[in-house]
Amino acid sequence: MEFISVHLASILRALQQFELTPWKMVGFTGTLLFTSRWFVQLYYTRKYKRVVMPLAFWWLSVFGSALLLAYFVVGKNDSVGIISNFFPVFVSVYNLVVHLRHRKNSVTGDTTA
């Protein structure tokens, strides 16, 4: 029981010292966007009863990753956060471009990429 009370006390102390800065707001917003993409994907998968990666998933990925990257570069200067968010930005942008290109070709009937 003592172990729990010691950890609970340290958590409460940490919460009392929490300061919400503008850059933390950027980081929290990026985290919210990046995390919410999975709920969007889950919704569409359940709706269509097959695995679906909707366009909203990629937009949330791009904006969430970009905000998190900005937070870790400017707001925190944390190399681990920079590296962990650098690659997803490019993958998300690439997938978004491929998705939009495919949709455009489907509308125009153009078979060349």
PDB file of N, CA and C in Angstrom:
ATOM      1  N   MET A   1       0.828  -1.195   0.000  1.00  0.00           N
ATOM      2  CA  MET A   1       0.000   0.000   0.000  1.00  0.00           C
ATOM      3  C   MET A   1       0.870   1.256   0.000  1.00  0.00           C
ATOM      4  N   GLU A   2       2.006   1.183   0.667  1.00  0.00           N
ATOM      5  CA  GLU A   2       2.906   2.328   0.718  1.00  0.00           C
ATOM      6  C   GLU A   2       3.424   2.673  -0.674  1.00  0.00           C
ATOM      7  N   PHE A   3       3.685   1.648  -1.485  1.00  0.00           N
ATOM      8  CA  PHE A   3       4.170   1.829  -2.846  1.00  0.00           C
ATOM      9  C   PHE A   3       3.178   2.665  -3.660  1.00  0.00           C
ATOM     10  N   ILE A   4       1.899   2.353  -3.527  1.00  0.00           N
ATOM     11  CA  ILE A   4       0.856   3.073  -4.264  1.00  0.00           C
ATOM     12  C   ILE A   4       0.759   4.511  -3.794  1.00  0.00           C
ATOM     13  N   SER A   5       0.807   4.735  -2.512  1.00  0.00           N
ATOM     14  CA  SER A   5       0.671   6.098  -1.987  1.00  0.00           C
ATOM     15  C   SER A   5       1.875   6.963  -2.369  1.00  0.00           C
ATOM     16  N   VAL A   6       3.065   6.378  -2.427  1.00  0.00           N
ATOM     17  CA  VAL A   6       4.260   7.135  -2.833  1.00  0.00           C
ATOM     18  C   VAL A   6       4.132   7.557  -4.294  1.00  0.00           C
ATOM     19  N   HIS A   7       3.712   6.628  -5.148  1.00  0.00           N
ATOM     20  CA  HIS A   7       3.567   6.956  -6.569  1.00  0.00           C
ATOM     21  C   HIS A   7       2.425   7.931  -6.808  1.00  0.00           C
ATOM     22  N   LEU A   8       1.352   7.773  -6.094  1.00  0.00           N
ATOM     23  CA  LEU A   8       0.232   8.694  -6.215  1.00  0.00           C
ATOM     24  C   LEU A   8       0.661  10.105  -5.805  1.00  0.00           C
ATOM     25  N   ALA A   9       1.429  10.210  -4.765  1.00  0.00           N
ATOM     26  CA  ALA A   9       1.919  11.518  -4.314  1.00  0.00           C
ATOM     27  C   ALA A   9       2.818  12.155  -5.372  1.00  0.00           C
ATOM     28  N   SER A  10       3.680  11.361  -6.023  1.00  0.00           N
ATOM     29  CA  SER A  10       4.566  11.921  -7.051  1.00  0.00           C
ATOM     30  C   SER A  10       3.778  12.349  -8.285  1.00  0.00           C
ATOM     31  N   ILE A  11       2.717  11.623  -8.613  1.00  0.00           N
ATOM     32  CA  ILE A  11       1.864  12.013  -9.732  1.00  0.00           C
ATOM     33  C   ILE A  11       1.142  13.321  -9.428  1.00  0.00           C
ATOM     34  N   LEU A  12       0.633  13.439  -8.212  1.00  0.00           N
ATOM     35  CA  LEU A  12      -0.054  14.669  -7.821  1.00  0.00           C
ATOM     36  C   LEU A  12       0.886  15.866  -7.825  1.00  0.00           C
ATOM     37  N   ARG A  13       2.134  15.674  -7.376  1.00  0.00           N
ATOM     38  CA  ARG A  13       3.123  16.759  -7.421  1.00  0.00           C
ATOM     39  C   ARG A  13       3.402  17.174  -8.862  1.00  0.00           C
ATOM     40  N   ALA A  14       3.531  16.206  -9.745  1.00  0.00           N
ATOM     41  CA  ALA A  14       3.794  16.503 -11.157  1.00  0.00           C
ATOM     42  C   ALA A  14       2.629  17.275 -11.774  1.00  0.00           C
ATOM     43  N   LEU A  15       1.404  16.917 -11.431  1.00  0.00           N
ATOM     44  CA  LEU A  15       0.241  17.622 -11.960  1.00  0.00           C
ATOM     45  C   LEU A  15       0.156  19.052 -11.436  1.00  0.00           C
ATOM     46  N   GLN A  16       0.586  19.276 -10.207  1.00  0.00           N
ATOM     47  CA  GLN A  16       0.571  20.623  -9.641  1.00  0.00           C
ATOM     48  C   GLN A  16       1.583  21.521 -10.336  1.00  0.00           C
ATOM     49  N   GLN A  17       2.652  20.943 -10.861  1.00  0.00           N
ATOM     50  CA  GLN A  17       3.698  21.725 -11.519  1.00  0.00           C
ATOM     51  C   GLN A  17       3.482  21.827 -13.027  1.00  0.00           C
ATOM     52  N   PHE A  18       2.400  21.277 -13.529  1.00  0.00           N
ATOM     53  CA  PHE A  18       2.106  21.290 -14.962  1.00  0.00           C
ATOM     54  C   PHE A  18       1.813  22.709 -15.422  1.00  0.00           C
ATOM     55  N   GLU A  19       2.452  23.110 -16.505  1.00  0.00           N
ATOM     56  CA  GLU A  19       2.241  24.433 -17.079  1.00  0.00           C
ATOM     57  C   GLU A  19       1.844  24.269 -18.541  1.00  0.00           C
ATOM     58  N   LEU A  20       0.713  24.817 -18.924  1.00  0.00           N
ATOM     59  CA  LEU A  20       0.230  24.721 -20.289  1.00  0.00           C
ATOM     60  C   LEU A  20       0.757  25.908 -21.089  1.00  0.00           C
ATOM     61  N   THR A  21       1.694  25.640 -21.983  1.00  0.00           N
ATOM     62  CA  THR A  21       2.291  26.676 -22.824  1.00  0.00           C
ATOM     63  C   THR A  21       1.676  26.599 -24.225  1.00  0.00           C
ATOM     64  N   PRO A  22       1.876  27.634 -25.042  1.00  0.00           N
ATOM     65  CA  PRO A  22       1.373  27.568 -26.423  1.00  0.00           C
ATOM     66  C   PRO A  22       1.948  26.376 -27.200  1.00  0.00           C
ATOM     67  N   TRP A  23       3.217  26.056 -26.981  1.00  0.00           N
ATOM     68  CA  TRP A  23       3.803  24.917 -27.695  1.00  0.00           C
ATOM     69  C   TRP A  23       3.252  23.585 -27.211  1.00  0.00           C
ATOM     70  N   LYS A  24       2.902  23.515 -25.934  1.00  0.00           N
ATOM     71  CA  LYS A  24       2.248  22.289 -25.452  1.00  0.00           C
ATOM     72  C   LYS A  24       0.875  22.144 -26.090  1.00  0.00           C
ATOM     73  N   MET A  25       0.182  23.256 -26.313  1.00  0.00           N
ATOM     74  CA  MET A  25      -1.108  23.204 -27.001  1.00  0.00           C
ATOM     75  C   MET A  25      -0.923  22.664 -28.423  1.00  0.00           C
ATOM     76  N   VAL A  26       0.139  23.091 -29.095  1.00  0.00           N
ATOM     77  CA  VAL A  26       0.441  22.571 -30.433  1.00  0.00           C
ATOM     78  C   VAL A  26       0.681  21.066 -30.347  1.00  0.00           C
ATOM     79  N   GLY A  27       1.479  20.638 -29.374  1.00  0.00           N
ATOM     80  CA  GLY A  27       1.778  19.222 -29.198  1.00  0.00           C
ATOM     81  C   GLY A  27       0.540  18.398 -28.867  1.00  0.00           C
ATOM     82  N   PHE A  28      -0.303  18.904 -27.975  1.00  0.00           N
ATOM     83  CA  PHE A  28      -1.530  18.183 -27.615  1.00  0.00           C
ATOM     84  C   PHE A  28      -2.493  18.109 -28.801  1.00  0.00           C
ATOM     85  N   THR A  29      -2.580  19.193 -29.570  1.00  0.00           N
ATOM     86  CA  THR A  29      -3.451  19.184 -30.749  1.00  0.00           C
ATOM     87  C   THR A  29      -2.949  18.167 -31.777  1.00  0.00           C
ATOM     88  N   GLY A  30      -1.631  18.141 -31.993  1.00  0.00           N
ATOM     89  CA  GLY A  30      -1.051  17.159 -32.902  1.00  0.00           C
ATOM     90  C   GLY A  30      -1.310  15.736 -32.436  1.00  0.00           C
ATOM     91  N   THR A  31      -1.170  15.505 -31.143  1.00  0.00           N
ATOM     92  CA  THR A  31      -1.436  14.176 -30.584  1.00  0.00           C
ATOM     93  C   THR A  31      -2.901  13.796 -30.759  1.00  0.00           C
ATOM     94  N   LEU A  32      -3.793  14.741 -30.519  1.00  0.00           N
ATOM     95  CA  LEU A  32      -5.223  14.489 -30.678  1.00  0.00           C
ATOM     96  C   LEU A  32      -5.557  14.136 -32.132  1.00  0.00           C
ATOM     97  N   LEU A  33      -5.023  14.904 -33.078  1.00  0.00           N
ATOM     98  CA  LEU A  33      -5.279  14.631 -34.493  1.00  0.00           C
ATOM     99  C   LEU A  33      -4.697  13.282 -34.908  1.00  0.00           C
ATOM    100  N   PHE A  34      -3.447  13.041 -34.525  1.00  0.00           N
ATOM    101  CA  PHE A  34      -2.775  11.812 -34.936  1.00  0.00           C
ATOM    102  C   PHE A  34      -3.465  10.582 -34.347  1.00  0.00           C
ATOM    103  N   THR A  35      -3.937  10.691 -33.124  1.00  0.00           N
ATOM    104  CA  THR A  35      -4.634   9.579 -32.482  1.00  0.00           C
ATOM    105  C   THR A  35      -6.035   9.387 -33.053  1.00  0.00           C
ATOM    106  N   SER A  36      -6.714  10.478 -33.351  1.00  0.00           N
ATOM    107  CA  SER A  36      -8.098  10.386 -33.832  1.00  0.00           C
ATOM    108  C   SER A  36      -8.201   9.693 -35.176  1.00  0.00           C
ATOM    109  N   ARG A  37      -7.115   9.652 -35.937  1.00  0.00           N
ATOM    110  CA  ARG A  37      -7.160   8.995 -37.242  1.00  0.00           C
ATOM    111  C   ARG A  37      -7.511   7.514 -37.101  1.00  0.00           C
ATOM    112  N   TRP A  38      -7.103   6.894 -35.993  1.00  0.00           N
ATOM    113  CA  TRP A  38      -7.422   5.483 -35.786  1.00  0.00           C
ATOM    114  C   TRP A  38      -8.903   5.283 -35.507  1.00  0.00           C
ATOM    115  N   PHE A  39      -9.527   6.226 -34.846  1.00  0.00           N
ATOM    116  CA  PHE A  39     -10.963   6.128 -34.616  1.00  0.00           C
ATOM    117  C   PHE A  39     -11.738   6.312 -35.918  1.00  0.00           C
ATOM    118  N   VAL A  40     -11.241   7.200 -36.785  1.00  0.00           N
ATOM    119  CA  VAL A  40     -11.851   7.381 -38.104  1.00  0.00           C
ATOM    120  C   VAL A  40     -11.726   6.088 -38.903  1.00  0.00           C
ATOM    121  N   GLN A  41     -10.537   5.501 -38.902  1.00  0.00           N
ATOM    122  CA  GLN A  41     -10.309   4.258 -39.633  1.00  0.00           C
ATOM    123  C   GLN A  41     -11.194   3.139 -39.082  1.00  0.00           C
ATOM    124  N   LEU A  42     -11.301   3.045 -37.772  1.00  0.00           N
ATOM    125  CA  LEU A  42     -12.147   2.038 -37.141  1.00  0.00           C
ATOM    126  C   LEU A  42     -13.618   2.222 -37.537  1.00  0.00           C
ATOM    127  N   TYR A  43     -14.071   3.469 -37.537  1.00  0.00           N
ATOM    128  CA  TYR A  43     -15.451   3.763 -37.921  1.00  0.00           C
ATOM    129  C   TYR A  43     -15.741   3.273 -39.336  1.00  0.00           C
ATOM    130  N   TYR A  44     -14.872   3.624 -40.299  1.00  0.00           N
ATOM    131  CA  TYR A  44     -15.104   3.233 -41.686  1.00  0.00           C
ATOM    132  C   TYR A  44     -14.961   1.724 -41.894  1.00  0.00           C
ATOM    133  N   THR A  45     -14.063   1.110 -41.176  1.00  0.00           N
ATOM    134  CA  THR A  45     -13.909  -0.343 -41.278  1.00  0.00           C
ATOM    135  C   THR A  45     -15.168  -1.040 -40.780  1.00  0.00           C
ATOM    136  N   ARG A  46     -15.708  -0.568 -39.681  1.00  0.00           N
ATOM    137  CA  ARG A  46     -16.951  -1.168 -39.157  1.00  0.00           C
ATOM    138  C   ARG A  46     -18.129  -0.872 -40.083  1.00  0.00           C
ATOM    139  N   LYS A  47     -18.159   0.327 -40.639  1.00  0.00           N
ATOM    140  CA  LYS A  47     -19.261   0.718 -41.518  1.00  0.00           C
ATOM    141  C   LYS A  47     -19.290  -0.146 -42.786  1.00  0.00           C
ATOM    142  N   TYR A  48     -18.126  -0.365 -43.407  1.00  0.00           N
ATOM    143  CA  TYR A  48     -18.064  -1.111 -44.668  1.00  0.00           C
ATOM    144  C   TYR A  48     -17.730  -2.595 -44.482  1.00  0.00           C
ATOM    145  N   LYS A  49     -17.495  -2.996 -43.232  1.00  0.00           N
ATOM    146  CA  LYS A  49     -17.205  -4.397 -42.891  1.00  0.00           C
ATOM    147  C   LYS A  49     -15.998  -4.951 -43.650  1.00  0.00           C
ATOM    148  N   ARG A  50     -15.039  -4.079 -43.899  1.00  0.00           N
ATOM    149  CA  ARG A  50     -13.737  -4.441 -44.474  1.00  0.00           C
ATOM    150  C   ARG A  50     -12.754  -3.337 -44.098  1.00  0.00           C
ATOM    151  N   VAL A  51     -11.484  -3.613 -44.200  1.00  0.00           N
ATOM    152  CA  VAL A  51     -10.476  -2.622 -43.819  1.00  0.00           C
ATOM    153  C   VAL A  51     -10.486  -1.477 -44.834  1.00  0.00           C
ATOM    154  N   VAL A  52     -10.682  -0.269 -44.330  1.00  0.00           N
ATOM    155  CA  VAL A  52     -10.756   0.917 -45.168  1.00  0.00           C
ATOM    156  C   VAL A  52      -9.827   1.980 -44.592  1.00  0.00           C
ATOM    157  N   MET A  53      -9.071   2.632 -45.467  1.00  0.00           N
ATOM    158  CA  MET A  53      -8.231   3.767 -45.066  1.00  0.00           C
ATOM    159  C   MET A  53      -8.804   5.002 -45.757  1.00  0.00           C
ATOM    160  N   PRO A  54      -9.745   5.689 -45.117  1.00  0.00           N
ATOM    161  CA  PRO A  54     -10.409   6.824 -45.769  1.00  0.00           C
ATOM    162  C   PRO A  54      -9.470   8.018 -45.918  1.00  0.00           C
ATOM    163  N   LEU A  55      -9.861   8.931 -46.778  1.00  0.00           N
ATOM    164  CA  LEU A  55      -9.072  10.139 -47.021  1.00  0.00           C
ATOM    165  C   LEU A  55      -8.839  10.921 -45.721  1.00  0.00           C
ATOM    166  N   ALA A  56      -9.833  10.952 -44.848  1.00  0.00           N
ATOM    167  CA  ALA A  56      -9.692  11.666 -43.572  1.00  0.00           C
ATOM    168  C   ALA A  56      -8.541  11.104 -42.739  1.00  0.00           C
ATOM    169  N   PHE A  57      -8.297   9.803 -42.834  1.00  0.00           N
ATOM    170  CA  PHE A  57      -7.185   9.184 -42.112  1.00  0.00           C
ATOM    171  C   PHE A  57      -5.869   9.834 -42.510  1.00  0.00           C
ATOM    172  N   TRP A  58      -5.666  10.043 -43.811  1.00  0.00           N
ATOM    173  CA  TRP A  58      -4.401  10.614 -44.287  1.00  0.00           C
ATOM    174  C   TRP A  58      -4.291  12.093 -43.956  1.00  0.00           C
ATOM    175  N   TRP A  59      -5.396  12.832 -44.033  1.00  0.00           N
ATOM    176  CA  TRP A  59      -5.350  14.248 -43.648  1.00  0.00           C
ATOM    177  C   TRP A  59      -5.020  14.396 -42.157  1.00  0.00           C
ATOM    178  N   LEU A  60      -5.650  13.585 -41.323  1.00  0.00           N
ATOM    179  CA  LEU A  60      -5.347  13.634 -39.891  1.00  0.00           C
ATOM    180  C   LEU A  60      -3.896  13.245 -39.626  1.00  0.00           C
ATOM    181  N   SER A  61      -3.390  12.288 -40.392  1.00  0.00           N
ATOM    182  CA  SER A  61      -1.987  11.873 -40.257  1.00  0.00           C
ATOM    183  C   SER A  61      -1.046  13.012 -40.613  1.00  0.00           C
ATOM    184  N   VAL A  62      -1.317  13.683 -41.723  1.00  0.00           N
ATOM    185  CA  VAL A  62      -0.454  14.785 -42.175  1.00  0.00           C
ATOM    186  C   VAL A  62      -0.446  15.916 -41.154  1.00  0.00           C
ATOM    187  N   PHE A  63      -1.630  16.383 -40.779  1.00  0.00           N
ATOM    188  CA  PHE A  63      -1.694  17.517 -39.855  1.00  0.00           C
ATOM    189  C   PHE A  63      -1.202  17.148 -38.458  1.00  0.00           C
ATOM    190  N   GLY A  64      -1.551  15.971 -37.985  1.00  0.00           N
ATOM    191  CA  GLY A  64      -1.075  15.540 -36.672  1.00  0.00           C
ATOM    192  C   GLY A  64       0.436  15.405 -36.630  1.00  0.00           C
ATOM    193  N   SER A  65       1.009  14.761 -37.639  1.00  0.00           N
ATOM    194  CA  SER A  65       2.464  14.596 -37.696  1.00  0.00           C
ATOM    195  C   SER A  65       3.172  15.941 -37.835  1.00  0.00           C
ATOM    196  N   ALA A  66       2.620  16.826 -38.667  1.00  0.00           N
ATOM    197  CA  ALA A  66       3.240  18.140 -38.866  1.00  0.00           C
ATOM    198  C   ALA A  66       3.236  18.954 -37.568  1.00  0.00           C
ATOM    199  N   LEU A  67       2.120  18.931 -36.849  1.00  0.00           N
ATOM    200  CA  LEU A  67       2.052  19.664 -35.573  1.00  0.00           C
ATOM    201  C   LEU A  67       3.000  19.061 -34.537  1.00  0.00           C
ATOM    202  N   LEU A  68       3.046  17.734 -34.472  1.00  0.00           N
ATOM    203  CA  LEU A  68       3.964  17.091 -33.534  1.00  0.00           C
ATOM    204  C   LEU A  68       5.413  17.365 -33.903  1.00  0.00           C
ATOM    205  N   LEU A  69       5.708  17.356 -35.189  1.00  0.00           N
ATOM    206  CA  LEU A  69       7.069  17.660 -35.623  1.00  0.00           C
ATOM    207  C   LEU A  69       7.437  19.099 -35.256  1.00  0.00           C
ATOM    208  N   ALA A  70       6.520  20.037 -35.470  1.00  0.00           N
ATOM    209  CA  ALA A  70       6.765  21.434 -35.091  1.00  0.00           C
ATOM    210  C   ALA A  70       6.991  21.557 -33.586  1.00  0.00           C
ATOM    211  N   TYR A  71       6.182  20.851 -32.814  1.00  0.00           N
ATOM    212  CA  TYR A  71       6.338  20.893 -31.355  1.00  0.00           C
ATOM    213  C   TYR A  71       7.714  20.380 -30.938  1.00  0.00           C
ATOM    214  N   PHE A  72       8.123  19.249 -31.497  1.00  0.00           N
ATOM    215  CA  PHE A  72       9.399  18.663 -31.084  1.00  0.00           C
ATOM    216  C   PHE A  72      10.603  19.434 -31.631  1.00  0.00           C
ATOM    217  N   VAL A  73      10.460  20.109 -32.767  1.00  0.00           N
ATOM    218  CA  VAL A  73      11.571  20.887 -33.323  1.00  0.00           C
ATOM    219  C   VAL A  73      11.707  22.227 -32.603  1.00  0.00           C
ATOM    220  N   VAL A  74      10.600  22.965 -32.512  1.00  0.00           N
ATOM    221  CA  VAL A  74      10.652  24.334 -31.984  1.00  0.00           C
ATOM    222  C   VAL A  74      10.325  24.392 -30.495  1.00  0.00           C
ATOM    223  N   GLY A  75       9.254  23.735 -30.106  1.00  0.00           N
ATOM    224  CA  GLY A  75       8.774  23.867 -28.736  1.00  0.00           C
ATOM    225  C   GLY A  75       9.567  23.100 -27.706  1.00  0.00           C
ATOM    226  N   LYS A  76      10.102  21.951 -28.080  1.00  0.00           N
ATOM    227  CA  LYS A  76      10.761  21.102 -27.092  1.00  0.00           C
ATOM    228  C   LYS A  76      12.220  20.814 -27.424  1.00  0.00           C
ATOM    229  N   ASN A  77      12.563  20.854 -28.709  1.00  0.00           N
ATOM    230  CA  ASN A  77      13.912  20.522 -29.174  1.00  0.00           C
ATOM    231  C   ASN A  77      14.323  19.137 -28.679  1.00  0.00           C
ATOM    232  N   ASP A  78      13.496  18.159 -29.013  1.00  0.00           N
ATOM    233  CA  ASP A  78      13.688  16.781 -28.557  1.00  0.00           C
ATOM    234  C   ASP A  78      13.968  15.899 -29.763  1.00  0.00           C
ATOM    235  N   SER A  79      15.185  15.375 -29.845  1.00  0.00           N
ATOM    236  CA  SER A  79      15.586  14.594 -31.013  1.00  0.00           C
ATOM    237  C   SER A  79      14.778  13.306 -31.169  1.00  0.00           C
ATOM    238  N   VAL A  80      14.386  12.682 -30.088  1.00  0.00           N
ATOM    239  CA  VAL A  80      13.578  11.455 -30.180  1.00  0.00           C
ATOM    240  C   VAL A  80      12.222  11.777 -30.810  1.00  0.00           C
ATOM    241  N   GLY A  81      11.590  12.841 -30.363  1.00  0.00           N
ATOM    242  CA  GLY A  81      10.305  13.246 -30.937  1.00  0.00           C
ATOM    243  C   GLY A  81      10.432  13.667 -32.388  1.00  0.00           C
ATOM    244  N   ILE A  82      11.521  14.338 -32.728  1.00  0.00           N
ATOM    245  CA  ILE A  82      11.741  14.749 -34.119  1.00  0.00           C
ATOM    246  C   ILE A  82      11.857  13.527 -35.016  1.00  0.00           C
ATOM    247  N   ILE A  83      12.688  12.583 -34.624  1.00  0.00           N
ATOM    248  CA  ILE A  83      12.899  11.382 -35.437  1.00  0.00           C
ATOM    249  C   ILE A  83      11.614  10.556 -35.541  1.00  0.00           C
ATOM    250  N   SER A  84      10.876  10.439 -34.445  1.00  0.00           N
ATOM    251  CA  SER A  84       9.674   9.600 -34.466  1.00  0.00           C
ATOM    252  C   SER A  84       8.528  10.232 -35.254  1.00  0.00           C
ATOM    253  N   ASN A  85       8.580  11.521 -35.543  1.00  0.00           N
ATOM    254  CA  ASN A  85       7.518  12.175 -36.304  1.00  0.00           C
ATOM    255  C   ASN A  85       7.949  12.639 -37.683  1.00  0.00           C
ATOM    256  N   PHE A  86       9.225  12.558 -37.979  1.00  0.00           N
ATOM    257  CA  PHE A  86       9.738  13.007 -39.267  1.00  0.00           C
ATOM    258  C   PHE A  86       9.263  12.096 -40.396  1.00  0.00           C
ATOM    259  N   PHE A  87       9.440  10.798 -40.246  1.00  0.00           N
ATOM    260  CA  PHE A  87       9.081   9.843 -41.291  1.00  0.00           C
ATOM    261  C   PHE A  87       7.575   9.763 -41.543  1.00  0.00           C
ATOM    262  N   PRO A  88       6.720   9.732 -40.505  1.00  0.00           N
ATOM    263  CA  PRO A  88       5.274   9.645 -40.772  1.00  0.00           C
ATOM    264  C   PRO A  88       4.727  10.803 -41.603  1.00  0.00           C
ATOM    265  N   VAL A  89       5.317  11.994 -41.500  1.00  0.00           N
ATOM    266  CA  VAL A  89       4.849  13.121 -42.312  1.00  0.00           C
ATOM    267  C   VAL A  89       4.984  12.780 -43.792  1.00  0.00           C
ATOM    268  N   PHE A  90       6.142  12.272 -44.186  1.00  0.00           N
ATOM    269  CA  PHE A  90       6.374  11.969 -45.599  1.00  0.00           C
ATOM    270  C   PHE A  90       5.523  10.801 -46.082  1.00  0.00           C
ATOM    271  N   VAL A  91       5.378   9.779 -45.273  1.00  0.00           N
ATOM    272  CA  VAL A  91       4.544   8.633 -45.654  1.00  0.00           C
ATOM    273  C   VAL A  91       3.092   9.076 -45.815  1.00  0.00           C
ATOM    274  N   SER A  92       2.613   9.890 -44.906  1.00  0.00           N
ATOM    275  CA  SER A  92       1.229  10.355 -44.978  1.00  0.00           C
ATOM    276  C   SER A  92       0.996  11.238 -46.200  1.00  0.00           C
ATOM    277  N   VAL A  93       1.923  12.144 -46.475  1.00  0.00           N
ATOM    278  CA  VAL A  93       1.794  13.004 -47.656  1.00  0.00           C
ATOM    279  C   VAL A  93       1.823  12.149 -48.923  1.00  0.00           C
ATOM    280  N   TYR A  94       2.724  11.199 -48.986  1.00  0.00           N
ATOM    281  CA  TYR A  94       2.808  10.312 -50.143  1.00  0.00           C
ATOM    282  C   TYR A  94       1.483   9.573 -50.359  1.00  0.00           C
ATOM    283  N   ASN A  95       0.949   8.977 -49.308  1.00  0.00           N
ATOM    284  CA  ASN A  95      -0.311   8.238 -49.425  1.00  0.00           C
ATOM    285  C   ASN A  95      -1.471   9.146 -49.797  1.00  0.00           C
ATOM    286  N   LEU A  96      -1.460  10.365 -49.296  1.00  0.00           N
ATOM    287  CA  LEU A  96      -2.504  11.328 -49.646  1.00  0.00           C
ATOM    288  C   LEU A  96      -2.424  11.679 -51.133  1.00  0.00           C
ATOM    289  N   VAL A  97      -1.220  11.917 -51.637  1.00  0.00           N
ATOM    290  CA  VAL A  97      -1.032  12.226 -53.059  1.00  0.00           C
ATOM    291  C   VAL A  97      -1.476  11.050 -53.925  1.00  0.00           C
ATOM    292  N   VAL A  98      -1.079   9.830 -53.552  1.00  0.00           N
ATOM    293  CA  VAL A  98      -1.490   8.647 -54.310  1.00  0.00           C
ATOM    294  C   VAL A  98      -3.011   8.516 -54.303  1.00  0.00           C
ATOM    295  N   HIS A  99      -3.629   8.725 -53.165  1.00  0.00           N
ATOM    296  CA  HIS A  99      -5.085   8.621 -53.047  1.00  0.00           C
ATOM    297  C   HIS A  99      -5.765   9.657 -53.946  1.00  0.00           C
ATOM    298  N   LEU A 100      -5.311  10.904 -53.883  1.00  0.00           N
ATOM    299  CA  LEU A 100      -5.923  11.967 -54.685  1.00  0.00           C
ATOM    300  C   LEU A 100      -5.685  11.746 -56.171  1.00  0.00           C
ATOM    301  N   ARG A 101      -4.494  11.278 -56.536  1.00  0.00           N
ATOM    302  CA  ARG A 101      -4.184  10.988 -57.939  1.00  0.00           C
ATOM    303  C   ARG A 101      -5.079   9.865 -58.454  1.00  0.00           C
ATOM    304  N   HIS A 102      -5.261   8.828 -57.655  1.00  0.00           N
ATOM    305  CA  HIS A 102      -6.120   7.707 -58.051  1.00  0.00           C
ATOM    306  C   HIS A 102      -7.570   8.169 -58.217  1.00  0.00           C
ATOM    307  N   ARG A 103      -8.016   8.990 -57.298  1.00  0.00           N
ATOM    308  CA  ARG A 103      -9.388   9.501 -57.372  1.00  0.00           C
ATOM    309  C   ARG A 103      -9.576  10.368 -58.611  1.00  0.00           C
ATOM    310  N   LYS A 104      -8.578  11.210 -58.928  1.00  0.00           N
ATOM    311  CA  LYS A 104      -8.645  12.061 -60.120  1.00  0.00           C
ATOM    312  C   LYS A 104      -8.686  11.202 -61.378  1.00  0.00           C
ATOM    313  N   ASN A 105      -7.847  10.163 -61.436  1.00  0.00           N
ATOM    314  CA  ASN A 105      -7.817   9.287 -62.603  1.00  0.00           C
ATOM    315  C   ASN A 105      -9.114   8.505 -62.736  1.00  0.00           C
ATOM    316  N   SER A 106      -9.742   8.163 -61.631  1.00  0.00           N
ATOM    317  CA  SER A 106     -11.018   7.445 -61.664  1.00  0.00           C
ATOM    318  C   SER A 106     -12.108   8.335 -62.243  1.00  0.00           C
ATOM    319  N   VAL A 107     -12.053   9.631 -61.915  1.00  0.00           N
ATOM    320  CA  VAL A 107     -13.058  10.563 -62.401  1.00  0.00           C
ATOM    321  C   VAL A 107     -12.849  10.853 -63.877  1.00  0.00           C
ATOM    322  N   THR A 108     -11.598  11.061 -64.288  1.00  0.00           N
ATOM    323  CA  THR A 108     -11.314  11.425 -65.685  1.00  0.00           C
ATOM    324  C   THR A 108     -11.230  10.227 -66.603  1.00  0.00           C
ATOM    325  N   GLY A 109     -11.057   9.029 -66.039  1.00  0.00           N
ATOM    326  CA  GLY A 109     -10.910   7.841 -66.854  1.00  0.00           C
ATOM    327  C   GLY A 109      -9.512   7.652 -67.385  1.00  0.00           C
ATOM    328  N   ASP A 110      -8.591   8.504 -66.949  1.00  0.00           N
ATOM    329  CA  ASP A 110      -7.199   8.430 -67.381  1.00  0.00           C
ATOM    330  C   ASP A 110      -6.531   7.217 -66.715  1.00  0.00           C
ATOM    331  N   THR A 111      -5.901   6.366 -67.502  1.00  0.00           N
ATOM    332  CA  THR A 111      -5.265   5.162 -66.941  1.00  0.00           C
ATOM    333  C   THR A 111      -3.779   5.355 -66.731  1.00  0.00           C
ATOM    334  N   THR A 112      -3.220   6.473 -67.174  1.00  0.00           N
ATOM    335  CA  THR A 112      -1.792   6.721 -66.950  1.00  0.00           C
ATOM    336  C   THR A 112      -1.617   7.416 -65.625  1.00  0.00           C
ATOM    337  N   ALA A 113      -0.506   7.114 -64.951  1.00  0.00           N
ATOM    338  CA  ALA A 113      -0.290   7.689 -63.623  1.00  0.00           C
ATOM    339  C   ALA A 113       0.451   8.972 -63.712  1.00  0.00           C
TER     340      ALA A 113
END
